mmCIF file of all heavy atoms, coordinates in Angstrom:
data_MODEL
# 
_entry.id   MODEL 
# 
loop_
_atom_site.group_PDB 
_atom_site.id 
_atom_site.type_symbol 
_atom_site.label_atom_id 
_atom_site.label_alt_id 
_atom_site.label_comp_id 
_atom_site.label_asym_id 
_atom_site.label_entity_id 
_atom_site.label_seq_id 
_atom_site.pdbx_PDB_ins_code 
_atom_site.Cartn_x 
_atom_site.Cartn_y 
_atom_site.Cartn_z 
_atom_site.occupancy 
_atom_site.B_iso_or_equiv 
_atom_site.pdbx_formal_charge 
_atom_site.auth_seq_id 
_atom_site.auth_comp_id 
_atom_site.auth_asym_id 
_atom_site.auth_atom_id 
_atom_site.pdbx_PDB_model_num 
ATOM 1   N N   . THR A 1 1  ? -5.239  -5.399  -69.035 1.00 0.00 ? 1  THR A N   1 
ATOM 2   C CA  . THR A 1 1  ? -4.731  -6.405  -68.211 1.00 0.00 ? 1  THR A CA  1 
ATOM 3   C C   . THR A 1 1  ? -5.474  -6.312  -66.878 1.00 0.00 ? 1  THR A C   1 
ATOM 4   O O   . THR A 1 1  ? -5.991  -7.254  -66.194 1.00 0.00 ? 1  THR A O   1 
ATOM 5   C CB  . THR A 1 1  ? -3.220  -6.466  -67.922 1.00 0.00 ? 1  THR A CB  1 
ATOM 6   O OG1 . THR A 1 1  ? -2.700  -6.664  -69.195 1.00 0.00 ? 1  THR A OG1 1 
ATOM 7   C CG2 . THR A 1 1  ? -2.823  -7.468  -66.967 1.00 0.00 ? 1  THR A CG2 1 
ATOM 8   N N   . LEU A 1 2  ? -5.590  -5.024  -66.386 1.00 0.00 ? 2  LEU A N   1 
ATOM 9   C CA  . LEU A 1 2  ? -6.271  -4.773  -65.068 1.00 0.00 ? 2  LEU A CA  1 
ATOM 10  C C   . LEU A 1 2  ? -7.622  -5.251  -65.123 1.00 0.00 ? 2  LEU A C   1 
ATOM 11  O O   . LEU A 1 2  ? -8.196  -5.810  -64.159 1.00 0.00 ? 2  LEU A O   1 
ATOM 12  C CB  . LEU A 1 2  ? -6.069  -3.262  -64.754 1.00 0.00 ? 2  LEU A CB  1 
ATOM 13  C CG  . LEU A 1 2  ? -6.561  -2.772  -63.309 1.00 0.00 ? 2  LEU A CG  1 
ATOM 14  C CD1 . LEU A 1 2  ? -5.587  -3.547  -62.267 1.00 0.00 ? 2  LEU A CD1 1 
ATOM 15  C CD2 . LEU A 1 2  ? -6.470  -1.358  -63.146 1.00 0.00 ? 2  LEU A CD2 1 
ATOM 16  N N   . ASP A 1 3  ? -8.398  -4.944  -66.166 1.00 0.00 ? 3  ASP A N   1 
ATOM 17  C CA  . ASP A 1 3  ? -9.841  -5.242  -66.383 1.00 0.00 ? 3  ASP A CA  1 
ATOM 18  C C   . ASP A 1 3  ? -9.927  -6.809  -66.363 1.00 0.00 ? 3  ASP A C   1 
ATOM 19  O O   . ASP A 1 3  ? -10.867 -7.354  -65.785 1.00 0.00 ? 3  ASP A O   1 
ATOM 20  C CB  . ASP A 1 3  ? -10.323 -4.671  -67.660 1.00 0.00 ? 3  ASP A CB  1 
ATOM 21  C CG  . ASP A 1 3  ? -10.585 -3.259  -67.464 1.00 0.00 ? 3  ASP A CG  1 
ATOM 22  O OD1 . ASP A 1 3  ? -10.718 -2.699  -66.469 1.00 0.00 ? 3  ASP A OD1 1 
ATOM 23  O OD2 . ASP A 1 3  ? -10.708 -2.473  -68.573 1.00 0.00 ? 3  ASP A OD2 1 
ATOM 24  N N   . GLU A 1 4  ? -8.981  -7.501  -67.011 1.00 0.00 ? 4  GLU A N   1 
ATOM 25  C CA  . GLU A 1 4  ? -9.112  -8.898  -67.221 1.00 0.00 ? 4  GLU A CA  1 
ATOM 26  C C   . GLU A 1 4  ? -8.998  -9.630  -65.819 1.00 0.00 ? 4  GLU A C   1 
ATOM 27  O O   . GLU A 1 4  ? -9.721  -10.560 -65.411 1.00 0.00 ? 4  GLU A O   1 
ATOM 28  C CB  . GLU A 1 4  ? -8.193  -9.425  -68.156 1.00 0.00 ? 4  GLU A CB  1 
ATOM 29  C CG  . GLU A 1 4  ? -8.459  -9.061  -69.617 1.00 0.00 ? 4  GLU A CG  1 
ATOM 30  C CD  . GLU A 1 4  ? -7.400  -9.394  -70.616 1.00 0.00 ? 4  GLU A CD  1 
ATOM 31  O OE1 . GLU A 1 4  ? -6.264  -9.893  -70.071 1.00 0.00 ? 4  GLU A OE1 1 
ATOM 32  O OE2 . GLU A 1 4  ? -7.582  -9.193  -71.799 1.00 0.00 ? 4  GLU A OE2 1 
ATOM 33  N N   . VAL A 1 5  ? -7.907  -9.259  -65.121 1.00 0.00 ? 5  VAL A N   1 
ATOM 34  C CA  . VAL A 1 5  ? -7.573  -9.927  -63.823 1.00 0.00 ? 5  VAL A CA  1 
ATOM 35  C C   . VAL A 1 5  ? -8.531  -9.640  -62.678 1.00 0.00 ? 5  VAL A C   1 
ATOM 36  O O   . VAL A 1 5  ? -8.728  -10.298 -61.711 1.00 0.00 ? 5  VAL A O   1 
ATOM 37  C CB  . VAL A 1 5  ? -6.099  -9.775  -63.388 1.00 0.00 ? 5  VAL A CB  1 
ATOM 38  C CG1 . VAL A 1 5  ? -5.218  -10.161 -64.526 1.00 0.00 ? 5  VAL A CG1 1 
ATOM 39  C CG2 . VAL A 1 5  ? -5.960  -8.299  -63.005 1.00 0.00 ? 5  VAL A CG2 1 
ATOM 40  N N   . ALA A 1 6  ? -9.176  -8.419  -62.891 1.00 0.00 ? 6  ALA A N   1 
ATOM 41  C CA  . ALA A 1 6  ? -9.963  -7.944  -61.624 1.00 0.00 ? 6  ALA A CA  1 
ATOM 42  C C   . ALA A 1 6  ? -11.459 -8.339  -61.867 1.00 0.00 ? 6  ALA A C   1 
ATOM 43  O O   . ALA A 1 6  ? -12.257 -8.101  -60.957 1.00 0.00 ? 6  ALA A O   1 
ATOM 44  C CB  . ALA A 1 6  ? -9.929  -6.371  -61.507 1.00 0.00 ? 6  ALA A CB  1 
ATOM 45  N N   . VAL A 1 7  ? -11.918 -8.920  -63.002 1.00 0.00 ? 7  VAL A N   1 
ATOM 46  C CA  . VAL A 1 7  ? -13.352 -9.205  -63.193 1.00 0.00 ? 7  VAL A CA  1 
ATOM 47  C C   . VAL A 1 7  ? -13.856 -10.076 -62.039 1.00 0.00 ? 7  VAL A C   1 
ATOM 48  O O   . VAL A 1 7  ? -14.985 -9.688  -61.569 1.00 0.00 ? 7  VAL A O   1 
ATOM 49  C CB  . VAL A 1 7  ? -13.460 -9.800  -64.622 1.00 0.00 ? 7  VAL A CB  1 
ATOM 50  C CG1 . VAL A 1 7  ? -14.883 -10.482 -64.719 1.00 0.00 ? 7  VAL A CG1 1 
ATOM 51  C CG2 . VAL A 1 7  ? -13.352 -8.848  -65.774 1.00 0.00 ? 7  VAL A CG2 1 
ATOM 52  N N   . PRO A 1 8  ? -13.341 -11.160 -61.713 1.00 0.00 ? 8  PRO A N   1 
ATOM 53  C CA  . PRO A 1 8  ? -13.919 -12.016 -60.661 1.00 0.00 ? 8  PRO A CA  1 
ATOM 54  C C   . PRO A 1 8  ? -14.131 -11.296 -59.317 1.00 0.00 ? 8  PRO A C   1 
ATOM 55  O O   . PRO A 1 8  ? -14.981 -11.695 -58.544 1.00 0.00 ? 8  PRO A O   1 
ATOM 56  C CB  . PRO A 1 8  ? -12.880 -13.181 -60.604 1.00 0.00 ? 8  PRO A CB  1 
ATOM 57  C CG  . PRO A 1 8  ? -12.159 -13.173 -61.796 1.00 0.00 ? 8  PRO A CG  1 
ATOM 58  C CD  . PRO A 1 8  ? -11.941 -11.754 -62.185 1.00 0.00 ? 8  PRO A CD  1 
ATOM 59  N N   . LEU A 1 9  ? -13.259 -10.426 -59.058 1.00 0.00 ? 9  LEU A N   1 
ATOM 60  C CA  . LEU A 1 9  ? -13.268 -9.799  -57.762 1.00 0.00 ? 9  LEU A CA  1 
ATOM 61  C C   . LEU A 1 9  ? -13.680 -8.236  -57.679 1.00 0.00 ? 9  LEU A C   1 
ATOM 62  O O   . LEU A 1 9  ? -13.149 -7.518  -56.860 1.00 0.00 ? 9  LEU A O   1 
ATOM 63  C CB  . LEU A 1 9  ? -11.949 -10.012 -57.004 1.00 0.00 ? 9  LEU A CB  1 
ATOM 64  C CG  . LEU A 1 9  ? -11.532 -11.449 -56.855 1.00 0.00 ? 9  LEU A CG  1 
ATOM 65  C CD1 . LEU A 1 9  ? -9.978  -11.469 -56.485 1.00 0.00 ? 9  LEU A CD1 1 
ATOM 66  C CD2 . LEU A 1 9  ? -12.291 -12.178 -55.821 1.00 0.00 ? 9  LEU A CD2 1 
ATOM 67  N N   . ARG A 1 10 ? -14.225 -7.790  -58.922 1.00 0.00 ? 10 ARG A N   1 
ATOM 68  C CA  . ARG A 1 10 ? -14.399 -6.306  -59.101 1.00 0.00 ? 10 ARG A CA  1 
ATOM 69  C C   . ARG A 1 10 ? -15.035 -5.699  -57.792 1.00 0.00 ? 10 ARG A C   1 
ATOM 70  O O   . ARG A 1 10 ? -14.758 -4.630  -57.398 1.00 0.00 ? 10 ARG A O   1 
ATOM 71  C CB  . ARG A 1 10 ? -15.161 -6.124  -60.345 1.00 0.00 ? 10 ARG A CB  1 
ATOM 72  C CG  . ARG A 1 10 ? -15.472 -4.576  -60.531 1.00 0.00 ? 10 ARG A CG  1 
ATOM 73  C CD  . ARG A 1 10 ? -15.979 -4.419  -61.922 1.00 0.00 ? 10 ARG A CD  1 
ATOM 74  N NE  . ARG A 1 10 ? -15.080 -4.743  -62.959 1.00 0.00 ? 10 ARG A NE  1 
ATOM 75  C CZ  . ARG A 1 10 ? -14.126 -3.932  -63.396 1.00 0.00 ? 10 ARG A CZ  1 
ATOM 76  N NH1 . ARG A 1 10 ? -13.916 -2.767  -62.919 1.00 0.00 ? 10 ARG A NH1 1 
ATOM 77  N NH2 . ARG A 1 10 ? -13.340 -4.289  -64.413 1.00 0.00 ? 10 ARG A NH2 1 
ATOM 78  N N   . GLY A 1 11 ? -16.134 -6.372  -57.304 1.00 0.00 ? 11 GLY A N   1 
ATOM 79  C CA  . GLY A 1 11 ? -16.904 -5.723  -56.228 1.00 0.00 ? 11 GLY A CA  1 
ATOM 80  C C   . GLY A 1 11 ? -15.986 -5.494  -54.968 1.00 0.00 ? 11 GLY A C   1 
ATOM 81  O O   . GLY A 1 11 ? -16.142 -4.451  -54.294 1.00 0.00 ? 11 GLY A O   1 
ATOM 82  N N   . GLU A 1 12 ? -15.169 -6.416  -54.632 1.00 0.00 ? 12 GLU A N   1 
ATOM 83  C CA  . GLU A 1 12 ? -14.249 -6.285  -53.510 1.00 0.00 ? 12 GLU A CA  1 
ATOM 84  C C   . GLU A 1 12 ? -13.119 -5.416  -53.665 1.00 0.00 ? 12 GLU A C   1 
ATOM 85  O O   . GLU A 1 12 ? -12.585 -4.959  -52.742 1.00 0.00 ? 12 GLU A O   1 
ATOM 86  C CB  . GLU A 1 12 ? -13.795 -7.809  -53.093 1.00 0.00 ? 12 GLU A CB  1 
ATOM 87  C CG  . GLU A 1 12 ? -14.878 -8.735  -52.780 1.00 0.00 ? 12 GLU A CG  1 
ATOM 88  C CD  . GLU A 1 12 ? -14.450 -10.148 -52.662 1.00 0.00 ? 12 GLU A CD  1 
ATOM 89  O OE1 . GLU A 1 12 ? -13.550 -10.362 -51.850 1.00 0.00 ? 12 GLU A OE1 1 
ATOM 90  O OE2 . GLU A 1 12 ? -14.868 -10.983 -53.609 1.00 0.00 ? 12 GLU A OE2 1 
ATOM 91  N N   . LEU A 1 13 ? -12.773 -5.224  -54.982 1.00 0.00 ? 13 LEU A N   1 
ATOM 92  C CA  . LEU A 1 13 ? -11.536 -4.336  -55.228 1.00 0.00 ? 13 LEU A CA  1 
ATOM 93  C C   . LEU A 1 13 ? -11.736 -3.098  -55.911 1.00 0.00 ? 13 LEU A C   1 
ATOM 94  O O   . LEU A 1 13 ? -10.980 -2.471  -56.441 1.00 0.00 ? 13 LEU A O   1 
ATOM 95  C CB  . LEU A 1 13 ? -10.600 -5.158  -56.174 1.00 0.00 ? 13 LEU A CB  1 
ATOM 96  C CG  . LEU A 1 13 ? -10.041 -6.584  -55.614 1.00 0.00 ? 13 LEU A CG  1 
ATOM 97  C CD1 . LEU A 1 13 ? -9.146  -7.281  -56.744 1.00 0.00 ? 13 LEU A CD1 1 
ATOM 98  C CD2 . LEU A 1 13 ? -9.121  -6.216  -54.406 1.00 0.00 ? 13 LEU A CD2 1 
ATOM 99  N N   . GLU A 1 14 ? -13.060 -2.583  -55.831 1.00 0.00 ? 14 GLU A N   1 
ATOM 100 C CA  . GLU A 1 14 ? -13.481 -1.431  -56.673 1.00 0.00 ? 14 GLU A CA  1 
ATOM 101 C C   . GLU A 1 14 ? -12.540 -0.143  -56.309 1.00 0.00 ? 14 GLU A C   1 
ATOM 102 O O   . GLU A 1 14 ? -12.077 0.570   -57.095 1.00 0.00 ? 14 GLU A O   1 
ATOM 103 C CB  . GLU A 1 14 ? -15.030 -1.097  -56.399 1.00 0.00 ? 14 GLU A CB  1 
ATOM 104 C CG  . GLU A 1 14 ? -15.557 -0.057  -57.438 1.00 0.00 ? 14 GLU A CG  1 
ATOM 105 C CD  . GLU A 1 14 ? -15.684 -0.780  -58.817 1.00 0.00 ? 14 GLU A CD  1 
ATOM 106 O OE1 . GLU A 1 14 ? -15.969 -1.931  -58.827 1.00 0.00 ? 14 GLU A OE1 1 
ATOM 107 O OE2 . GLU A 1 14 ? -15.187 -0.096  -59.734 1.00 0.00 ? 14 GLU A OE2 1 
ATOM 108 N N   . LYS A 1 15 ? -12.472 0.033   -54.942 1.00 0.00 ? 15 LYS A N   1 
ATOM 109 C CA  . LYS A 1 15 ? -11.690 1.221   -54.423 1.00 0.00 ? 15 LYS A CA  1 
ATOM 110 C C   . LYS A 1 15 ? -10.134 1.026   -54.821 1.00 0.00 ? 15 LYS A C   1 
ATOM 111 O O   . LYS A 1 15 ? -9.497  1.920   -55.271 1.00 0.00 ? 15 LYS A O   1 
ATOM 112 C CB  . LYS A 1 15 ? -11.771 1.499   -53.003 1.00 0.00 ? 15 LYS A CB  1 
ATOM 113 C CG  . LYS A 1 15 ? -13.234 1.879   -52.617 1.00 0.00 ? 15 LYS A CG  1 
ATOM 114 C CD  . LYS A 1 15 ? -13.331 2.162   -51.073 1.00 0.00 ? 15 LYS A CD  1 
ATOM 115 C CE  . LYS A 1 15 ? -14.643 2.622   -50.765 1.00 0.00 ? 15 LYS A CE  1 
ATOM 116 N NZ  . LYS A 1 15 ? -14.767 2.904   -49.308 1.00 0.00 ? 15 LYS A NZ  1 
ATOM 117 N N   . ALA A 1 16 ? -9.672  -0.165  -54.682 1.00 0.00 ? 16 ALA A N   1 
ATOM 118 C CA  . ALA A 1 16 ? -8.194  -0.387  -54.959 1.00 0.00 ? 16 ALA A CA  1 
ATOM 119 C C   . ALA A 1 16 ? -7.979  -0.219  -56.499 1.00 0.00 ? 16 ALA A C   1 
ATOM 120 O O   . ALA A 1 16 ? -6.957  0.228   -56.875 1.00 0.00 ? 16 ALA A O   1 
ATOM 121 C CB  . ALA A 1 16 ? -7.945  -1.863  -54.536 1.00 0.00 ? 16 ALA A CB  1 
ATOM 122 N N   . LEU A 1 17 ? -8.950  -0.691  -57.279 1.00 0.00 ? 17 LEU A N   1 
ATOM 123 C CA  . LEU A 1 17 ? -8.797  -0.567  -58.842 1.00 0.00 ? 17 LEU A CA  1 
ATOM 124 C C   . LEU A 1 17 ? -8.764  0.964   -59.153 1.00 0.00 ? 17 LEU A C   1 
ATOM 125 O O   . LEU A 1 17 ? -7.972  1.368   -59.936 1.00 0.00 ? 17 LEU A O   1 
ATOM 126 C CB  . LEU A 1 17 ? -9.969  -1.267  -59.376 1.00 0.00 ? 17 LEU A CB  1 
ATOM 127 C CG  . LEU A 1 17 ? -10.025 -2.861  -59.581 1.00 0.00 ? 17 LEU A CG  1 
ATOM 128 C CD1 . LEU A 1 17 ? -11.363 -3.245  -60.134 1.00 0.00 ? 17 LEU A CD1 1 
ATOM 129 C CD2 . LEU A 1 17 ? -8.874  -3.151  -60.666 1.00 0.00 ? 17 LEU A CD2 1 
ATOM 130 N N   . ALA A 1 18 ? -9.646  1.627   -58.548 1.00 0.00 ? 18 ALA A N   1 
ATOM 131 C CA  . ALA A 1 18 ? -9.640  3.116   -58.858 1.00 0.00 ? 18 ALA A CA  1 
ATOM 132 C C   . ALA A 1 18 ? -8.363  3.772   -58.456 1.00 0.00 ? 18 ALA A C   1 
ATOM 133 O O   . ALA A 1 18 ? -7.859  4.663   -59.246 1.00 0.00 ? 18 ALA A O   1 
ATOM 134 C CB  . ALA A 1 18 ? -10.957 3.832   -58.133 1.00 0.00 ? 18 ALA A CB  1 
ATOM 135 N N   . ARG A 1 19 ? -7.852  3.465   -57.223 1.00 0.00 ? 19 ARG A N   1 
ATOM 136 C CA  . ARG A 1 19 ? -6.632  4.072   -56.800 1.00 0.00 ? 19 ARG A CA  1 
ATOM 137 C C   . ARG A 1 19 ? -5.432  3.737   -57.736 1.00 0.00 ? 19 ARG A C   1 
ATOM 138 O O   . ARG A 1 19 ? -4.643  4.444   -58.050 1.00 0.00 ? 19 ARG A O   1 
ATOM 139 C CB  . ARG A 1 19 ? -6.355  3.612   -55.326 1.00 0.00 ? 19 ARG A CB  1 
ATOM 140 C CG  . ARG A 1 19 ? -7.151  4.428   -54.394 1.00 0.00 ? 19 ARG A CG  1 
ATOM 141 C CD  . ARG A 1 19 ? -6.655  4.292   -52.962 1.00 0.00 ? 19 ARG A CD  1 
ATOM 142 N NE  . ARG A 1 19 ? -6.508  2.894   -52.571 1.00 0.00 ? 19 ARG A NE  1 
ATOM 143 C CZ  . ARG A 1 19 ? -7.436  2.153   -51.896 1.00 0.00 ? 19 ARG A CZ  1 
ATOM 144 N NH1 . ARG A 1 19 ? -8.573  2.735   -51.606 1.00 0.00 ? 19 ARG A NH1 1 
ATOM 145 N NH2 . ARG A 1 19 ? -7.382  0.962   -51.566 1.00 0.00 ? 19 ARG A NH2 1 
ATOM 146 N N   . THR A 1 20 ? -5.411  2.432   -58.040 1.00 0.00 ? 20 THR A N   1 
ATOM 147 C CA  . THR A 1 20 ? -4.391  1.770   -58.933 1.00 0.00 ? 20 THR A CA  1 
ATOM 148 C C   . THR A 1 20 ? -4.378  2.471   -60.221 1.00 0.00 ? 20 THR A C   1 
ATOM 149 O O   . THR A 1 20 ? -3.336  2.973   -60.841 1.00 0.00 ? 20 THR A O   1 
ATOM 150 C CB  . THR A 1 20 ? -4.462  0.366   -59.158 1.00 0.00 ? 20 THR A CB  1 
ATOM 151 O OG1 . THR A 1 20 ? -4.371  -0.200  -57.734 1.00 0.00 ? 20 THR A OG1 1 
ATOM 152 C CG2 . THR A 1 20 ? -3.353  -0.214  -59.944 1.00 0.00 ? 20 THR A CG2 1 
ATOM 153 N N   . ARG A 1 21 ? -5.561  2.695   -60.881 1.00 0.00 ? 21 ARG A N   1 
ATOM 154 C CA  . ARG A 1 21 ? -5.666  3.290   -62.256 1.00 0.00 ? 21 ARG A CA  1 
ATOM 155 C C   . ARG A 1 21 ? -5.159  4.714   -62.164 1.00 0.00 ? 21 ARG A C   1 
ATOM 156 O O   . ARG A 1 21 ? -4.437  5.144   -62.955 1.00 0.00 ? 21 ARG A O   1 
ATOM 157 C CB  . ARG A 1 21 ? -7.175  3.282   -62.624 1.00 0.00 ? 21 ARG A CB  1 
ATOM 158 C CG  . ARG A 1 21 ? -7.764  1.999   -63.063 1.00 0.00 ? 21 ARG A CG  1 
ATOM 159 C CD  . ARG A 1 21 ? -9.185  2.281   -63.554 1.00 0.00 ? 21 ARG A CD  1 
ATOM 160 N NE  . ARG A 1 21 ? -9.917  0.944   -63.720 1.00 0.00 ? 21 ARG A NE  1 
ATOM 161 C CZ  . ARG A 1 21 ? -9.882  0.202   -64.773 1.00 0.00 ? 21 ARG A CZ  1 
ATOM 162 N NH1 . ARG A 1 21 ? -8.949  0.447   -65.754 1.00 0.00 ? 21 ARG A NH1 1 
ATOM 163 N NH2 . ARG A 1 21 ? -10.472 -1.009  -64.804 1.00 0.00 ? 21 ARG A NH2 1 
ATOM 164 N N   . THR A 1 22 ? -5.628  5.392   -61.060 1.00 0.00 ? 22 THR A N   1 
ATOM 165 C CA  . THR A 1 22 ? -5.170  6.843   -60.922 1.00 0.00 ? 22 THR A CA  1 
ATOM 166 C C   . THR A 1 22 ? -3.668  7.003   -60.828 1.00 0.00 ? 22 THR A C   1 
ATOM 167 O O   . THR A 1 22 ? -3.014  7.757   -61.431 1.00 0.00 ? 22 THR A O   1 
ATOM 168 C CB  . THR A 1 22 ? -5.928  7.475   -59.785 1.00 0.00 ? 22 THR A CB  1 
ATOM 169 O OG1 . THR A 1 22 ? -7.240  7.523   -59.917 1.00 0.00 ? 22 THR A OG1 1 
ATOM 170 C CG2 . THR A 1 22 ? -5.394  9.006   -59.541 1.00 0.00 ? 22 THR A CG2 1 
ATOM 171 N N   . SER A 1 23 ? -3.081  6.155   -59.859 1.00 0.00 ? 23 SER A N   1 
ATOM 172 C CA  . SER A 1 23 ? -1.706  6.174   -59.650 1.00 0.00 ? 23 SER A CA  1 
ATOM 173 C C   . SER A 1 23 ? -0.829  5.818   -60.872 1.00 0.00 ? 23 SER A C   1 
ATOM 174 O O   . SER A 1 23 ? 0.121   6.583   -61.266 1.00 0.00 ? 23 SER A O   1 
ATOM 175 C CB  . SER A 1 23 ? -1.337  5.187   -58.494 1.00 0.00 ? 23 SER A CB  1 
ATOM 176 O OG  . SER A 1 23 ? -1.954  5.583   -57.327 1.00 0.00 ? 23 SER A OG  1 
ATOM 177 N N   . VAL A 1 24 ? -1.269  4.866   -61.592 1.00 0.00 ? 24 VAL A N   1 
ATOM 178 C CA  . VAL A 1 24 ? -0.537  4.432   -62.683 1.00 0.00 ? 24 VAL A CA  1 
ATOM 179 C C   . VAL A 1 24 ? -0.623  5.473   -63.860 1.00 0.00 ? 24 VAL A C   1 
ATOM 180 O O   . VAL A 1 24 ? 0.272   5.864   -64.583 1.00 0.00 ? 24 VAL A O   1 
ATOM 181 C CB  . VAL A 1 24 ? -1.052  3.090   -63.276 1.00 0.00 ? 24 VAL A CB  1 
ATOM 182 C CG1 . VAL A 1 24 ? -0.405  2.762   -64.594 1.00 0.00 ? 24 VAL A CG1 1 
ATOM 183 C CG2 . VAL A 1 24 ? -0.656  1.963   -62.271 1.00 0.00 ? 24 VAL A CG2 1 
ATOM 184 N N   . ARG A 1 25 ? -1.895  6.019   -64.058 1.00 0.00 ? 25 ARG A N   1 
ATOM 185 C CA  . ARG A 1 25 ? -2.035  7.063   -65.043 1.00 0.00 ? 25 ARG A CA  1 
ATOM 186 C C   . ARG A 1 25 ? -1.246  8.254   -64.704 1.00 0.00 ? 25 ARG A C   1 
ATOM 187 O O   . ARG A 1 25 ? -0.684  8.870   -65.584 1.00 0.00 ? 25 ARG A O   1 
ATOM 188 C CB  . ARG A 1 25 ? -3.547  7.481   -65.168 1.00 0.00 ? 25 ARG A CB  1 
ATOM 189 C CG  . ARG A 1 25 ? -3.822  8.554   -66.093 1.00 0.00 ? 25 ARG A CG  1 
ATOM 190 C CD  . ARG A 1 25 ? -5.333  8.748   -66.445 1.00 0.00 ? 25 ARG A CD  1 
ATOM 191 N NE  . ARG A 1 25 ? -5.789  7.721   -67.295 1.00 0.00 ? 25 ARG A NE  1 
ATOM 192 C CZ  . ARG A 1 25 ? -5.661  7.557   -68.524 1.00 0.00 ? 25 ARG A CZ  1 
ATOM 193 N NH1 . ARG A 1 25 ? -4.984  8.717   -69.150 1.00 0.00 ? 25 ARG A NH1 1 
ATOM 194 N NH2 . ARG A 1 25 ? -6.087  6.673   -69.322 1.00 0.00 ? 25 ARG A NH2 1 
ATOM 195 N N   . VAL A 1 26 ? -1.220  8.713   -63.484 1.00 0.00 ? 26 VAL A N   1 
ATOM 196 C CA  . VAL A 1 26 ? -0.468  9.910   -63.182 1.00 0.00 ? 26 VAL A CA  1 
ATOM 197 C C   . VAL A 1 26 ? 1.073   9.601   -63.429 1.00 0.00 ? 26 VAL A C   1 
ATOM 198 O O   . VAL A 1 26 ? 1.844   10.504  -63.967 1.00 0.00 ? 26 VAL A O   1 
ATOM 199 C CB  . VAL A 1 26 ? -0.638  10.280  -61.690 1.00 0.00 ? 26 VAL A CB  1 
ATOM 200 C CG1 . VAL A 1 26 ? 0.394   11.303  -61.155 1.00 0.00 ? 26 VAL A CG1 1 
ATOM 201 C CG2 . VAL A 1 26 ? -2.000  10.880  -61.460 1.00 0.00 ? 26 VAL A CG2 1 
ATOM 202 N N   . ALA A 1 27 ? 1.485   8.477   -63.023 1.00 0.00 ? 27 ALA A N   1 
ATOM 203 C CA  . ALA A 1 27 ? 2.931   8.116   -63.258 1.00 0.00 ? 27 ALA A CA  1 
ATOM 204 C C   . ALA A 1 27 ? 3.277   8.081   -64.778 1.00 0.00 ? 27 ALA A C   1 
ATOM 205 O O   . ALA A 1 27 ? 4.276   8.611   -65.206 1.00 0.00 ? 27 ALA A O   1 
ATOM 206 C CB  . ALA A 1 27 ? 3.283   6.935   -62.545 1.00 0.00 ? 27 ALA A CB  1 
ATOM 207 N N   . ALA A 1 28 ? 2.282   7.400   -65.541 1.00 0.00 ? 28 ALA A N   1 
ATOM 208 C CA  . ALA A 1 28 ? 2.474   7.249   -66.957 1.00 0.00 ? 28 ALA A CA  1 
ATOM 209 C C   . ALA A 1 28 ? 2.511   8.729   -67.649 1.00 0.00 ? 28 ALA A C   1 
ATOM 210 O O   . ALA A 1 28 ? 3.341   9.009   -68.587 1.00 0.00 ? 28 ALA A O   1 
ATOM 211 C CB  . ALA A 1 28 ? 1.477   6.455   -67.519 1.00 0.00 ? 28 ALA A CB  1 
ATOM 212 N N   . GLU A 1 29 ? 1.558   9.588   -67.169 1.00 0.00 ? 29 GLU A N   1 
ATOM 213 C CA  . GLU A 1 29 ? 1.615   10.874  -67.862 1.00 0.00 ? 29 GLU A CA  1 
ATOM 214 C C   . GLU A 1 29 ? 2.784   11.668  -67.525 1.00 0.00 ? 29 GLU A C   1 
ATOM 215 O O   . GLU A 1 29 ? 3.327   12.416  -68.363 1.00 0.00 ? 29 GLU A O   1 
ATOM 216 C CB  . GLU A 1 29 ? 0.281   11.590  -67.265 1.00 0.00 ? 29 GLU A CB  1 
ATOM 217 C CG  . GLU A 1 29 ? -1.027  11.115  -67.890 1.00 0.00 ? 29 GLU A CG  1 
ATOM 218 C CD  . GLU A 1 29 ? -2.249  11.734  -67.306 1.00 0.00 ? 29 GLU A CD  1 
ATOM 219 O OE1 . GLU A 1 29 ? -2.138  12.457  -66.287 1.00 0.00 ? 29 GLU A OE1 1 
ATOM 220 O OE2 . GLU A 1 29 ? -3.349  11.544  -67.771 1.00 0.00 ? 29 GLU A OE2 1 
# 
């Protein structure tokens, strides 16, 4: 889902995407 919704704005949200992935992965683990 994250990949799908972020495609149009990936360049502007690169850092936010990385932070979100890390935060969610840590919480899920």
